C-alpha atoms as a PDB file:
ATOM      1  CA  MET A   1       0.000   0.000   0.000  1.00  0.00           C
ATOM      2  CA  GLU A   2       1.240   3.482  -0.796  1.00  0.00           C
ATOM      3  CA  ASN A   3       0.383   6.706   1.030  1.00  0.00           C
ATOM      4  CA  TYR A   4       1.684  10.253   0.669  1.00  0.00           C
ATOM      5  CA  LYS A   5       2.261  13.186   2.992  1.00  0.00           C
ATOM      6  CA  LEU A   6       3.280  16.788   2.343  1.00  0.00           C
ATOM      7  CA  VAL A   7       5.636  18.232   4.971  1.00  0.00           C
ATOM      8  CA  LEU A   8       4.231  21.585   6.114  1.00  0.00           C
ATOM      9  CA  PRO A   9       5.674  24.294   8.419  1.00  0.00           C
ATOM     10  CA  GLU A  10       3.710  22.978  11.424  1.00  0.00           C
ATOM     11  CA  HIS A  11       5.580  19.648  11.102  1.00  0.00           C
ATOM     12  CA  LEU A  12       9.027  21.237  11.579  1.00  0.00           C
ATOM     13  CA  ASN A  13      11.276  21.718  14.582  1.00  0.00           C
ATOM     14  CA  HIS A  14      13.028  24.997  15.421  1.00  0.00           C
ATOM     15  CA  TYR A  15      15.917  24.083  13.058  1.00  0.00           C
ATOM     16  CA  GLY A  16      13.573  23.767  10.069  1.00  0.00           C
ATOM     17  CA  PHE A  17      13.635  19.962   9.849  1.00  0.00           C
ATOM     18  CA  LEU A  18      10.760  17.508  10.216  1.00  0.00           C
ATOM     19  CA  PHE A  19      10.132  16.500  13.835  1.00  0.00           C
ATOM     20  CA  GLY A  20      10.972  12.804  14.143  1.00  0.00           C
ATOM     21  CA  GLY A  21       7.835  12.293  16.213  1.00  0.00           C
ATOM     22  CA  ASN A  22       5.655  13.433  13.316  1.00  0.00           C
ATOM     23  CA  LEU A  23       7.300  10.891  11.024  1.00  0.00           C
ATOM     24  CA  LEU A  24       6.755   8.116  13.579  1.00  0.00           C
ATOM     25  CA  LYS A  25       3.108   9.145  13.975  1.00  0.00           C
ATOM     26  CA  TRP A  26       2.573   8.989  10.212  1.00  0.00           C
ATOM     27  CA  ILE A  27       4.250   5.568  10.024  1.00  0.00           C
ATOM     28  CA  ASP A  28       1.962   4.299  12.786  1.00  0.00           C
ATOM     29  CA  GLU A  29      -1.081   5.699  10.951  1.00  0.00           C
ATOM     30  CA  VAL A  30      -0.277   4.278   7.503  1.00  0.00           C
ATOM     31  CA  SER A  31       0.623   0.855   8.889  1.00  0.00           C
ATOM     32  CA  TYR A  32      -2.562   0.832  11.002  1.00  0.00           C
ATOM     33  CA  ILE A  33      -4.588   1.593   7.860  1.00  0.00           C
ATOM     34  CA  ALA A  34      -2.887  -1.330   6.090  1.00  0.00           C
ATOM     35  CA  VAL A  35      -3.489  -3.838   8.902  1.00  0.00           C
ATOM     36  CA  THR A  36      -7.105  -2.716   9.320  1.00  0.00           C
ATOM     37  CA  MET A  37      -7.760  -3.171   5.603  1.00  0.00           C
ATOM     38  CA  ASP A  38      -6.029  -6.576   5.552  1.00  0.00           C
ATOM     39  CA  TYR A  39      -7.974  -7.866   8.590  1.00  0.00           C
ATOM     40  CA  PRO A  40     -11.434  -6.231   8.601  1.00  0.00           C
ATOM     41  CA  GLY A  41     -13.343  -6.554  11.839  1.00  0.00           C
ATOM     42  CA  CYS A  42     -10.212  -7.031  13.979  1.00  0.00           C
ATOM     43  CA  ASN A  43      -9.027  -4.559  16.597  1.00  0.00           C
ATOM     44  CA  PHE A  44      -5.296  -3.831  16.588  1.00  0.00           C
ATOM     45  CA  VAL A  45      -2.787  -1.988  18.718  1.00  0.00           C
ATOM     46  CA  THR A  46       0.808  -1.187  17.843  1.00  0.00           C
ATOM     47  CA  VAL A  47       3.229  -3.138  20.026  1.00  0.00           C
ATOM     48  CA  ALA A  48       6.604  -2.416  18.408  1.00  0.00           C
ATOM     49  CA  MET A  49       8.698  -0.533  15.902  1.00  0.00           C
ATOM     50  CA  ASP A  50      11.988  -2.337  15.449  1.00  0.00           C
ATOM     51  CA  GLN A  51      14.328   0.582  14.760  1.00  0.00           C
ATOM     52  CA  VAL A  52      14.229   4.329  14.803  1.00  0.00           C
ATOM     53  CA  VAL A  53      17.140   5.592  12.710  1.00  0.00           C
ATOM     54  CA  PHE A  54      16.664   8.849  10.817  1.00  0.00           C
ATOM     55  CA  ARG A  55      18.835   8.510   7.683  1.00  0.00           C
ATOM     56  CA  LYS A  56      18.250  11.824   5.910  1.00  0.00           C
ATOM     57  CA  SER A  57      16.942  15.237   6.835  1.00  0.00           C
ATOM     58  CA  ILE A  58      13.497  16.254   5.666  1.00  0.00           C
ATOM     59  CA  ARG A  59      12.553  19.875   5.039  1.00  0.00           C
ATOM     60  CA  LYS A  60       9.354  21.818   4.449  1.00  0.00           C
ATOM     61  CA  GLY A  61       7.696  21.085   1.127  1.00  0.00           C
ATOM     62  CA  ALA A  62       9.003  17.523   0.816  1.00  0.00           C
ATOM     63  CA  ILE A  63       6.561  14.951  -0.485  1.00  0.00           C
ATOM     64  CA  LEU A  64       6.933  11.705   1.430  1.00  0.00           C
ATOM     65  CA  THR A  65       5.902   8.309   0.086  1.00  0.00           C
ATOM     66  CA  PHE A  66       5.085   5.574   2.611  1.00  0.00           C
ATOM     67  CA  GLU A  67       5.267   2.023   1.236  1.00  0.00           C
ATOM     68  CA  THR A  68       3.687  -0.497   3.617  1.00  0.00           C
ATOM     69  CA  THR A  69       4.093  -4.240   3.053  1.00  0.00           C
ATOM     70  CA  ARG A  70       2.928  -7.153   5.217  1.00  0.00           C
ATOM     71  CA  LYS A  71       5.993  -9.263   6.066  1.00  0.00           C
ATOM     72  CA  ARG A  72       5.075 -11.760   8.775  1.00  0.00           C
ATOM     73  CA  GLU A  73       1.864 -13.157  10.195  1.00  0.00           C
ATOM     74  CA  GLY A  74       1.691 -14.957  13.519  1.00  0.00           C
ATOM     75  CA  ARG A  75      -1.270 -16.353  15.406  1.00  0.00           C
ATOM     76  CA  THR A  76      -2.237 -13.083  17.139  1.00  0.00           C
ATOM     77  CA  SER A  77       0.193 -10.575  15.611  1.00  0.00           C
ATOM     78  CA  VAL A  78       1.267  -9.295  12.239  1.00  0.00           C
ATOM     79  CA  GLU A  79       4.347  -7.353  11.130  1.00  0.00           C
ATOM     80  CA  TYR A  80       4.598  -4.729   8.373  1.00  0.00           C
ATOM     81  CA  LEU A  81       7.622  -3.146   6.745  1.00  0.00           C
ATOM     82  CA  VAL A  82       7.254   0.595   6.188  1.00  0.00           C
ATOM     83  CA  ASN A  83       9.747   2.302   3.871  1.00  0.00           C
ATOM     84  CA  VAL A  84       9.618   6.095   3.645  1.00  0.00           C
ATOM     85  CA  TYR A  85      10.952   7.986   0.628  1.00  0.00           C
ATOM     86  CA  LYS A  86      11.190  11.685  -0.105  1.00  0.00           C
ATOM     87  CA  LYS A  87      10.814  12.883  -3.657  1.00  0.00           C
ATOM     88  CA  SER A  88      12.509  15.976  -4.977  1.00  0.00           C
ATOM     89  CA  ILE A  89       9.981  18.203  -6.699  1.00  0.00           C
ATOM     90  CA  SER A  90      12.678  19.770  -8.889  1.00  0.00           C
ATOM     91  CA  SER A  91      14.554  16.635 -10.036  1.00  0.00           C
ATOM     92  CA  GLY A  92      12.054  13.841  -9.362  1.00  0.00           C
ATOM     93  CA  GLU A  93      14.801  11.962  -7.505  1.00  0.00           C
ATOM     94  CA  ARG A  94      13.512   9.560  -4.860  1.00  0.00           C
ATOM     95  CA  THR A  95      15.570   8.919  -1.708  1.00  0.00           C
ATOM     96  CA  MET A  96      14.853   6.502   1.143  1.00  0.00           C
ATOM     97  CA  VAL A  97      14.781   8.443   4.414  1.00  0.00           C
ATOM     98  CA  PHE A  98      13.457   5.894   6.903  1.00  0.00           C
ATOM     99  CA  SER A  99      12.578   2.223   7.235  1.00  0.00           C
ATOM    100  CA  THR A 100      11.139   0.196  10.096  1.00  0.00           C
ATOM    101  CA  TYR A 101       9.092  -2.877  10.937  1.00  0.00           C
ATOM    102  CA  VAL A 102       5.842  -2.240  12.809  1.00  0.00           C
ATOM    103  CA  THR A 103       4.168  -5.046  14.771  1.00  0.00           C
ATOM    104  CA  PHE A 104       0.483  -5.108  15.664  1.00  0.00           C
ATOM    105  CA  VAL A 105      -1.414  -7.454  17.943  1.00  0.00           C
ATOM    106  CA  CYS A 106      -5.093  -8.333  17.543  1.00  0.00           C
ATOM    107  CA  LEU A 107      -7.232  -7.776  20.662  1.00  0.00           C
ATOM    108  CA  ASP A 108     -10.705  -8.833  21.717  1.00  0.00           C
ATOM    109  CA  GLU A 109     -13.249  -6.492  23.342  1.00  0.00           C
ATOM    110  CA  ASN A 110     -11.604  -7.075  26.765  1.00  0.00           C
ATOM    111  CA  GLY A 111      -8.123  -6.130  25.578  1.00  0.00           C
ATOM    112  CA  SER A 112      -6.823  -9.716  25.494  1.00  0.00           C
ATOM    113  CA  LYS A 113      -4.921 -11.154  22.542  1.00  0.00           C
ATOM    114  CA  LYS A 114      -7.047 -13.030  20.040  1.00  0.00           C
ATOM    115  CA  PRO A 115      -6.232 -14.948  16.858  1.00  0.00           C
ATOM    116  CA  LEU A 116      -6.045 -13.037  13.577  1.00  0.00           C
ATOM    117  CA  CYS A 117      -9.017 -13.330  11.291  1.00  0.00           C
ATOM    118  CA  ARG A 118      -9.260 -12.258   7.646  1.00  0.00           C
ATOM    119  CA  ASP A 119     -13.010 -12.842   7.293  1.00  0.00           C
ATOM    120  CA  PRO A 120     -15.054 -10.720   9.743  1.00  0.00           C
ATOM    121  CA  ARG A 121     -17.978 -13.181   9.502  1.00  0.00           C
ATOM    122  CA  GLN A 122     -15.775 -15.851  11.087  1.00  0.00           C
ATOM    123  CA  CYS A 123     -14.219 -13.733  13.850  1.00  0.00           C
END
């Protein structure tokens, strides 16, 4: 799944770069959208991001592409790889700026782990 985000002034720190927390929030959002679409009717919470390493700076006006891919499915959890790229508006060059694995766990109405289910009629 692909999603896009435009970096605006309100997303920047006092040095003029994207706040890392905003990037992490967007990664959590796009991966949550992916897991919710892959497993309709299930309730998920984020339990882990494997690494937080900011590779390149991101400035105002950058267009970010978030590529989210399911990588591993367990009994109650599922892991997605999220790669983030920035695209230069002037040259069209695309550069990877961040990559991480996000793990979600499926919960029942009481907050306990429950098995994954792809068909909401069978959950």
